Each structure stands twice: as C-alpha cells, then as structure tokens.
C-alpha atoms as a PDB file:
ATOM      1  CA  MET A   1     -13.623  -1.385  11.982  1.00  0.00           C
ATOM      2  CA  GLU A   2     -13.917  -4.698  13.863  1.00  0.00           C
ATOM      3  CA  ASP A   3     -15.649  -6.314  10.940  1.00  0.00           C
ATOM      4  CA  ARG A   4     -12.833  -5.161   8.780  1.00  0.00           C
ATOM      5  CA  LYS A   5     -10.135  -6.315  11.034  1.00  0.00           C
ATOM      6  CA  GLU A   6     -11.871  -9.822  11.375  1.00  0.00           C
ATOM      7  CA  HIS A   7     -12.216 -10.143   7.642  1.00  0.00           C
ATOM      8  CA  TRP A   8      -8.496  -9.540   7.088  1.00  0.00           C
ATOM      9  CA  ASN A   9      -7.361 -11.618   9.975  1.00  0.00           C
ATOM     10  CA  GLY A  10      -9.416 -14.509   8.557  1.00  0.00           C
ATOM     11  CA  VAL A  11      -7.767 -14.068   5.065  1.00  0.00           C
ATOM     12  CA  PHE A  12      -4.314 -13.963   6.323  1.00  0.00           C
ATOM     13  CA  GLY A  13      -4.830 -16.504   9.047  1.00  0.00           C
ATOM     14  CA  THR A  14      -6.245 -19.221   6.914  1.00  0.00           C
ATOM     15  CA  ARG A  15      -4.553 -18.963   3.484  1.00  0.00           C
ATOM     16  CA  ALA A  16      -0.995 -19.462   2.709  1.00  0.00           C
ATOM     17  CA  GLU A  17       0.907 -16.417   1.466  1.00  0.00           C
ATOM     18  CA  THR A  18       1.495 -18.015  -1.932  1.00  0.00           C
ATOM     19  CA  GLY A  19      -2.149 -18.652  -2.215  1.00  0.00           C
ATOM     20  CA  LEU A  20      -3.180 -15.075  -2.053  1.00  0.00           C
ATOM     21  CA  SER A  21      -4.044 -13.531  -5.403  1.00  0.00           C
ATOM     22  CA  TRP A  22      -1.875 -10.615  -4.863  1.00  0.00           C
ATOM     23  CA  PHE A  23       1.258 -12.503  -4.036  1.00  0.00           C
ATOM     24  CA  GLU A  24       4.368 -11.444  -5.662  1.00  0.00           C
ATOM     25  CA  ALA A  25       7.629 -13.229  -5.270  1.00  0.00           C
ATOM     26  CA  GLU A  26       9.439 -10.182  -6.538  1.00  0.00           C
ATOM     27  CA  PRO A  27       7.475  -6.856  -6.239  1.00  0.00           C
ATOM     28  CA  ALA A  28       9.466  -5.387  -9.052  1.00  0.00           C
ATOM     29  CA  LEU A  29       7.252  -2.291  -9.880  1.00  0.00           C
ATOM     30  CA  SER A  30       6.863  -1.246  -6.301  1.00  0.00           C
ATOM     31  CA  LEU A  31      10.438  -1.585  -5.667  1.00  0.00           C
ATOM     32  CA  ASP A  32      11.512   0.386  -8.703  1.00  0.00           C
ATOM     33  CA  LEU A  33       9.041   3.100  -8.035  1.00  0.00           C
ATOM     34  CA  ILE A  34      10.180   3.425  -4.304  1.00  0.00           C
ATOM     35  CA  ALA A  35      13.760   3.334  -5.241  1.00  0.00           C
ATOM     36  CA  ALA A  36      13.274   6.034  -7.748  1.00  0.00           C
ATOM     37  CA  HIS A  37      12.041   8.399  -4.951  1.00  0.00           C
ATOM     38  CA  ALA A  38      13.900   7.301  -1.755  1.00  0.00           C
ATOM     39  CA  ALA A  39      17.451   7.418  -0.828  1.00  0.00           C
ATOM     40  CA  PRO A  40      18.989   5.238   1.889  1.00  0.00           C
ATOM     41  CA  GLY A  41      18.030   6.817   5.279  1.00  0.00           C
ATOM     42  CA  ASP A  42      14.589   7.958   3.959  1.00  0.00           C
ATOM     43  CA  PRO A  43      11.745   6.478   5.963  1.00  0.00           C
ATOM     44  CA  VAL A  44       9.410   4.440   3.972  1.00  0.00           C
ATOM     45  CA  LEU A  45       5.920   3.186   4.804  1.00  0.00           C
ATOM     46  CA  ASP A  46       4.265   0.226   3.253  1.00  0.00           C
ATOM     47  CA  ALA A  47       0.671   1.058   3.982  1.00  0.00           C
ATOM     48  CA  GLY A  48      -1.469  -2.126   3.942  1.00  0.00           C
ATOM     49  CA  GLY A  49       1.803  -4.109   3.498  1.00  0.00           C
ATOM     50  CA  GLY A  50       0.084  -7.376   4.689  1.00  0.00           C
ATOM     51  CA  THR A  51       2.505 -10.291   4.163  1.00  0.00           C
ATOM     52  CA  SER A  52       4.093  -8.590   1.086  1.00  0.00           C
ATOM     53  CA  ARG A  53       7.701  -9.358   0.388  1.00  0.00           C
ATOM     54  CA  LEU A  54       8.257  -5.691  -0.451  1.00  0.00           C
ATOM     55  CA  VAL A  55       9.914  -5.208   2.939  1.00  0.00           C
ATOM     56  CA  ASP A  56      12.313  -7.921   2.293  1.00  0.00           C
ATOM     57  CA  ALA A  57      13.335  -6.418  -0.916  1.00  0.00           C
ATOM     58  CA  LEU A  58      13.724  -2.798   0.602  1.00  0.00           C
ATOM     59  CA  LEU A  59      15.907  -4.110   3.312  1.00  0.00           C
ATOM     60  CA  ASP A  60      18.098  -5.982   0.771  1.00  0.00           C
ATOM     61  CA  ARG A  61      18.598  -2.763  -1.077  1.00  0.00           C
ATOM     62  CA  GLY A  62      19.585  -0.891   2.026  1.00  0.00           C
ATOM     63  CA  LEU A  63      16.502   1.326   1.718  1.00  0.00           C
ATOM     64  CA  GLY A  64      14.498   2.711   4.809  1.00  0.00           C
ATOM     65  CA  PRO A  65      14.115   2.531   7.701  1.00  0.00           C
ATOM     66  CA  VAL A  66      10.952   0.713   6.742  1.00  0.00           C
ATOM     67  CA  SER A  67       7.375   0.571   8.590  1.00  0.00           C
ATOM     68  CA  VAL A  68       4.829  -1.889   7.721  1.00  0.00           C
ATOM     69  CA  LEU A  69       1.334  -1.072   8.581  1.00  0.00           C
ATOM     70  CA  ASP A  70      -1.664  -3.446   8.232  1.00  0.00           C
ATOM     71  CA  ILE A  71      -4.981  -3.795   9.960  1.00  0.00           C
ATOM     72  CA  SER A  72      -4.509  -7.641  10.263  1.00  0.00           C
ATOM     73  CA  ALA A  73      -2.308  -8.824  13.247  1.00  0.00           C
ATOM     74  CA  ALA A  74      -2.130 -12.173  11.414  1.00  0.00           C
ATOM     75  CA  ALA A  75      -0.327 -10.669   8.384  1.00  0.00           C
ATOM     76  CA  LEU A  76       2.103  -8.694  10.516  1.00  0.00           C
ATOM     77  CA  ALA A  77       2.924 -11.904  12.572  1.00  0.00           C
ATOM     78  CA  ALA A  78       3.488 -13.714   9.302  1.00  0.00           C
ATOM     79  CA  GLY A  79       5.759 -10.989   7.942  1.00  0.00           C
ATOM     80  CA  ARG A  80       7.893 -10.885  11.201  1.00  0.00           C
ATOM     81  CA  ALA A  81       8.204 -14.657  11.117  1.00  0.00           C
ATOM     82  CA  ARG A  82       9.323 -14.771   7.580  1.00  0.00           C
ATOM     83  CA  LEU A  83      12.009 -12.013   8.176  1.00  0.00           C
ATOM     84  CA  GLY A  84      13.274 -13.659  11.350  1.00  0.00           C
ATOM     85  CA  PRO A  85      16.067 -11.804  12.924  1.00  0.00           C
ATOM     86  CA  ARG A  86      15.723  -8.914  10.305  1.00  0.00           C
ATOM     87  CA  ALA A  87      12.073  -8.272  11.598  1.00  0.00           C
ATOM     88  CA  GLY A  88      13.798  -6.149  14.305  1.00  0.00           C
ATOM     89  CA  ARG A  89      14.879  -3.638  11.779  1.00  0.00           C
ATOM     90  CA  VAL A  90      11.156  -2.960  10.738  1.00  0.00           C
ATOM     91  CA  ARG A  91       8.469  -0.976  12.574  1.00  0.00           C
ATOM     92  CA  TRP A  92       5.243  -3.026  12.598  1.00  0.00           C
ATOM     93  CA  ILE A  93       2.142  -1.021  12.921  1.00  0.00           C
ATOM     94  CA  GLU A  94      -1.340  -2.676  13.520  1.00  0.00           C
ATOM     95  CA  ALA A  95      -3.924  -0.052  12.455  1.00  0.00           C
ATOM     96  CA  ASP A  96      -6.859   0.686  10.199  1.00  0.00           C
ATOM     97  CA  LEU A  97      -5.528   3.533   7.638  1.00  0.00           C
ATOM     98  CA  THR A  98      -8.911   5.148   7.964  1.00  0.00           C
ATOM     99  CA  ARG A  99      -8.501   5.729  11.681  1.00  0.00           C
ATOM    100  CA  TRP A 100      -4.827   5.944  11.965  1.00  0.00           C
ATOM    101  CA  GLN A 101      -3.166   8.925  13.429  1.00  0.00           C
ATOM    102  CA  PRO A 102       0.385   9.079  12.424  1.00  0.00           C
ATOM    103  CA  ASP A 103       3.132   9.843  14.906  1.00  0.00           C
ATOM    104  CA  ALA A 104       5.957   9.996  12.390  1.00  0.00           C
ATOM    105  CA  ARG A 105       6.694  11.664   8.898  1.00  0.00           C
ATOM    106  CA  PHE A 106       7.730   9.442   5.844  1.00  0.00           C
ATOM    107  CA  ALA A 107       9.600  10.186   2.714  1.00  0.00           C
ATOM    108  CA  VAL A 108       7.512   7.780   0.730  1.00  0.00           C
ATOM    109  CA  TRP A 109       4.006   6.212   1.291  1.00  0.00           C
ATOM    110  CA  HIS A 110       3.498   3.022  -0.698  1.00  0.00           C
ATOM    111  CA  ASP A 111       0.111   1.232  -1.071  1.00  0.00           C
ATOM    112  CA  ARG A 112      -0.303  -1.642  -3.482  1.00  0.00           C
ATOM    113  CA  ALA A 113      -3.882  -2.481  -2.955  1.00  0.00           C
ATOM    114  CA  VAL A 114      -5.716  -0.818  -0.126  1.00  0.00           C
ATOM    115  CA  PHE A 115      -7.239   2.321  -1.628  1.00  0.00           C
ATOM    116  CA  HIS A 116      -9.316   0.271  -4.093  1.00  0.00           C
ATOM    117  CA  PHE A 117     -11.073  -1.394  -1.207  1.00  0.00           C
ATOM    118  CA  LEU A 118     -12.321   1.944   0.015  1.00  0.00           C
ATOM    119  CA  THR A 119     -15.827   2.072  -1.708  1.00  0.00           C
ATOM    120  CA  ASP A 120     -17.040   4.504   0.964  1.00  0.00           C
ATOM    121  CA  PRO A 121     -16.270   8.168   0.266  1.00  0.00           C
ATOM    122  CA  ALA A 122     -15.872   8.798   3.921  1.00  0.00           C
ATOM    123  CA  ASP A 123     -13.181   6.107   4.325  1.00  0.00           C
ATOM    124  CA  ARG A 124     -11.272   7.572   1.246  1.00  0.00           C
ATOM    125  CA  ALA A 125     -11.386  10.998   2.770  1.00  0.00           C
ATOM    126  CA  ALA A 126      -9.976   9.645   6.066  1.00  0.00           C
ATOM    127  CA  TYR A 127      -7.258   7.615   4.180  1.00  0.00           C
ATOM    128  CA  VAL A 128      -6.124  10.773   2.385  1.00  0.00           C
ATOM    129  CA  GLY A 129      -6.130  12.720   5.570  1.00  0.00           C
ATOM    130  CA  ALA A 130      -3.695  10.090   7.191  1.00  0.00           C
ATOM    131  CA  MET A 131      -1.617  10.060   4.100  1.00  0.00           C
ATOM    132  CA  ASP A 132      -1.235  13.959   4.063  1.00  0.00           C
ATOM    133  CA  ALA A 133      -0.406  13.806   7.817  1.00  0.00           C
ATOM    134  CA  ALA A 134       2.142  11.041   7.522  1.00  0.00           C
ATOM    135  CA  LEU A 135       4.082  12.359   4.428  1.00  0.00           C
ATOM    136  CA  ARG A 136       6.652  15.001   4.977  1.00  0.00           C
ATOM    137  CA  PRO A 137       6.587  18.099   2.555  1.00  0.00           C
ATOM    138  CA  GLY A 138       8.018  17.005  -0.818  1.00  0.00           C
ATOM    139  CA  GLY A 139       7.376  13.351   0.104  1.00  0.00           C
ATOM    140  CA  THR A 140       6.019  10.886  -2.569  1.00  0.00           C
ATOM    141  CA  ALA A 141       2.756   8.836  -2.545  1.00  0.00           C
ATOM    142  CA  ILE A 142       2.608   5.734  -4.539  1.00  0.00           C
ATOM    143  CA  LEU A 143      -0.960   4.449  -4.927  1.00  0.00           C
ATOM    144  CA  MET A 144      -1.616   1.299  -6.795  1.00  0.00           C
ATOM    145  CA  THR A 145      -4.985  -0.024  -7.450  1.00  0.00           C
ATOM    146  CA  PHE A 146      -6.903  -2.129  -9.770  1.00  0.00           C
ATOM    147  CA  ALA A 147      -7.199  -0.324 -13.077  1.00  0.00           C
ATOM    148  CA  GLU A 148     -10.630   0.657 -14.626  1.00  0.00           C
ATOM    149  CA  ASP A 149     -10.513  -2.647 -16.509  1.00  0.00           C
ATOM    150  CA  GLY A 150      -9.326  -4.700 -13.476  1.00  0.00           C
ATOM    151  CA  PRO A 151     -11.414  -7.024 -11.211  1.00  0.00           C
ATOM    152  CA  GLU A 152     -14.557  -5.778  -9.564  1.00  0.00           C
ATOM    153  CA  THR A 153     -14.282  -7.841  -6.429  1.00  0.00           C
ATOM    154  CA  CYS A 154     -11.214  -9.210  -4.426  1.00  0.00           C
ATOM    155  CA  SER A 155     -11.135 -11.494  -1.338  1.00  0.00           C
ATOM    156  CA  GLY A 156     -15.020 -11.572  -1.318  1.00  0.00           C
ATOM    157  CA  LEU A 157     -15.274  -7.688  -1.130  1.00  0.00           C
ATOM    158  CA  PRO A 158     -16.326  -5.060  -3.828  1.00  0.00           C
ATOM    159  CA  VAL A 159     -13.568  -2.776  -4.959  1.00  0.00           C
ATOM    160  CA  ALA A 160     -13.589   0.763  -6.704  1.00  0.00           C
ATOM    161  CA  ARG A 161     -11.539   0.592  -9.997  1.00  0.00           C
ATOM    162  CA  TRP A 162      -9.574   3.680 -10.884  1.00  0.00           C
ATOM    163  CA  SER A 163      -7.755   5.151 -13.870  1.00  0.00           C
ATOM    164  CA  SER A 164      -4.662   7.230 -12.951  1.00  0.00           C
ATOM    165  CA  ASP A 165      -6.687  10.385 -14.151  1.00  0.00           C
ATOM    166  CA  ALA A 166      -9.597   9.450 -11.925  1.00  0.00           C
ATOM    167  CA  LEU A 167      -7.491   8.701  -8.935  1.00  0.00           C
ATOM    168  CA  ALA A 168      -5.598  12.025  -9.251  1.00  0.00           C
ATOM    169  CA  ALA A 169      -8.780  13.875  -9.437  1.00  0.00           C
ATOM    170  CA  GLU A 170     -10.170  12.202  -6.392  1.00  0.00           C
ATOM    171  CA  ILE A 171      -7.046  12.949  -4.418  1.00  0.00           C
ATOM    172  CA  GLU A 172      -7.222  16.538  -5.514  1.00  0.00           C
ATOM    173  CA  ARG A 173     -10.880  16.688  -4.522  1.00  0.00           C
ATOM    174  CA  LEU A 174     -10.062  15.314  -0.978  1.00  0.00           C
ATOM    175  CA  ALA A 175      -6.854  17.241  -0.422  1.00  0.00           C
ATOM    176  CA  PRO A 176      -7.179  20.459  -2.705  1.00  0.00           C
ATOM    177  CA  GLY A 177      -3.590  21.618  -3.734  1.00  0.00           C
ATOM    178  CA  ARG A 178      -1.746  19.185  -1.438  1.00  0.00           C
ATOM    179  CA  PHE A 179      -0.543  16.754  -4.139  1.00  0.00           C
ATOM    180  CA  ARG A 180       0.765  16.763  -7.656  1.00  0.00           C
ATOM    181  CA  ARG A 181       0.891  13.826  -9.904  1.00  0.00           C
ATOM    182  CA  ILE A 182       4.391  13.168 -11.254  1.00  0.00           C
ATOM    183  CA  ASP A 183       4.039   9.660 -12.893  1.00  0.00           C
ATOM    184  CA  SER A 184       1.695   6.876 -13.606  1.00  0.00           C
ATOM    185  CA  ARG A 185       2.100   3.304 -14.810  1.00  0.00           C
ATOM    186  CA  ARG A 186      -0.035   0.454 -16.069  1.00  0.00           C
ATOM    187  CA  HIS A 187       0.773  -2.961 -14.573  1.00  0.00           C
ATOM    188  CA  LEU A 188      -0.468  -6.493 -15.515  1.00  0.00           C
ATOM    189  CA  HIS A 189      -0.211  -8.748 -12.366  1.00  0.00           C
ATOM    190  CA  VAL A 190      -0.354 -12.541 -12.826  1.00  0.00           C
ATOM    191  CA  THR A 191      -1.871 -14.186  -9.838  1.00  0.00           C
ATOM    192  CA  PRO A 192      -0.458 -17.543  -8.555  1.00  0.00           C
ATOM    193  CA  ALA A 193      -3.380 -19.177 -10.249  1.00  0.00           C
ATOM    194  CA  GLY A 194      -2.336 -17.816 -13.664  1.00  0.00           C
ATOM    195  CA  ARG A 195      -4.978 -15.170 -13.924  1.00  0.00           C
ATOM    196  CA  SER A 196      -4.161 -11.621 -15.328  1.00  0.00           C
ATOM    197  CA  GLN A 197      -5.325  -8.517 -13.242  1.00  0.00           C
ATOM    198  CA  SER A 198      -4.971  -4.840 -14.627  1.00  0.00           C
ATOM    199  CA  PHE A 199      -3.371  -2.465 -12.097  1.00  0.00           C
ATOM    200  CA  GLN A 200      -2.505   1.120 -12.352  1.00  0.00           C
ATOM    201  CA  ALA A 201       0.199   3.060 -10.239  1.00  0.00           C
ATOM    202  CA  THR A 202      -0.159   6.608  -9.727  1.00  0.00           C
ATOM    203  CA  VAL A 203       2.767   8.585  -8.293  1.00  0.00           C
ATOM    204  CA  LEU A 204       2.034  11.797  -6.347  1.00  0.00           C
ATOM    205  CA  ARG A 205       4.390  14.513  -4.827  1.00  0.00           C
ATOM    206  CA  LYS A 206       3.324  16.190  -1.694  1.00  0.00           C
ATOM    207  CA  VAL A 207       3.470  19.948  -2.171  1.00  0.00           C
ATOM    208  CA  ALA A 208       6.004  21.420  -0.017  1.00  0.00           C
END
C-alpha cells in the first residue's frame, strides 16, 4: 500500500492538474450518468476522485452529499484548495480502495479510472468487496476504464483494459448475483496533449 500511496502522491504532488492525461475541464459523461441515477439528497462517492472537477459539477447541480475518496493526500489537498469555502460541503476520505472499510452507504459509486489499475486479481476482489459494502441495496455503480483498444499503461503503471462485457463478467465472478448491468457506453477521451484514449463505462445496479 505504501508504494502505491507514494506513487500517486508523487504524481499529484509534482504535476499541474491540467497536465494530467485524464484531466477534464467538464466531466460530462460522468456527470450525466450520475445525474441519471441520483436525486438531490442521494449520497454519491467519487472513488479515486483525485483532483477531478466532477465534485465541482455535482455541487453546481445540487447533487450529493458528495464524498471524494483517494489514496493520495496530495490530490485531496488540491481538490479542497480548488473548491475553497465549498470544500466544507464535501467529505474527503484518504484511503486505498483495496483496504477501505466503508462506514456509510451510498446511492452511487463512481469510478472513472481506478479499476483498470488493478492488475492483481486479489486487488480486484477487495475493490468489489468494498464497493458492495459501500452501496446501498438498489444503488448504482458506474465503472469507467480504458476500453479493450485503450492504452496499455498510464502514469508509468500497467493497466488492465476492459470491454463492458468482460467487466460485467468479472464483477459477477467476484460478487455472484450482487450486481446487474443496466447500461454501457463507449467514450473517447482527448487528453490535454491532444491524444485520444478509448474508454468504456459500465453501469451496474446492486441487487436489492
């Protein structure tokens, strides 16, 4: 865990937000998917939120309460600083998703790019266990990863690329009968450097 934490603190502590390959000034797809499955007052978790501006957009829309979880203290500090006085309306959680024990239940679990870094099957199993524990019955999980034709590495780390079918099958293997896929999308992300990256988004409903 310490190596993972050190890696991401290094990434977020030494690079400007707009220089990160995953930077989005307007996280439109994430926001649209969350808004489709959350009403005002429904608790939303941005899992591995880093310095994402999704939290800003959720607050602007009156969605939440919002929690942002990340392994990197540097990322969370940057997010709090950007939001200024509004940061007090957000719960900031410093944790490794593969070791986290949720102490609350959420209506929506959103992950834009954590799951594809989990190349170890044991880490994926721990992640899904945390997701299951954190989501209330009937809640929604939105998992976005590099698609099968996406990059093979990111931030100096290998990634596991997924199609929506393969991802849904992996979640079913790890949590049999606990989740049902209800939507999937393809998404082309253009990095600040102008490179195109293929993503997929899989939306799952936790079985009540």
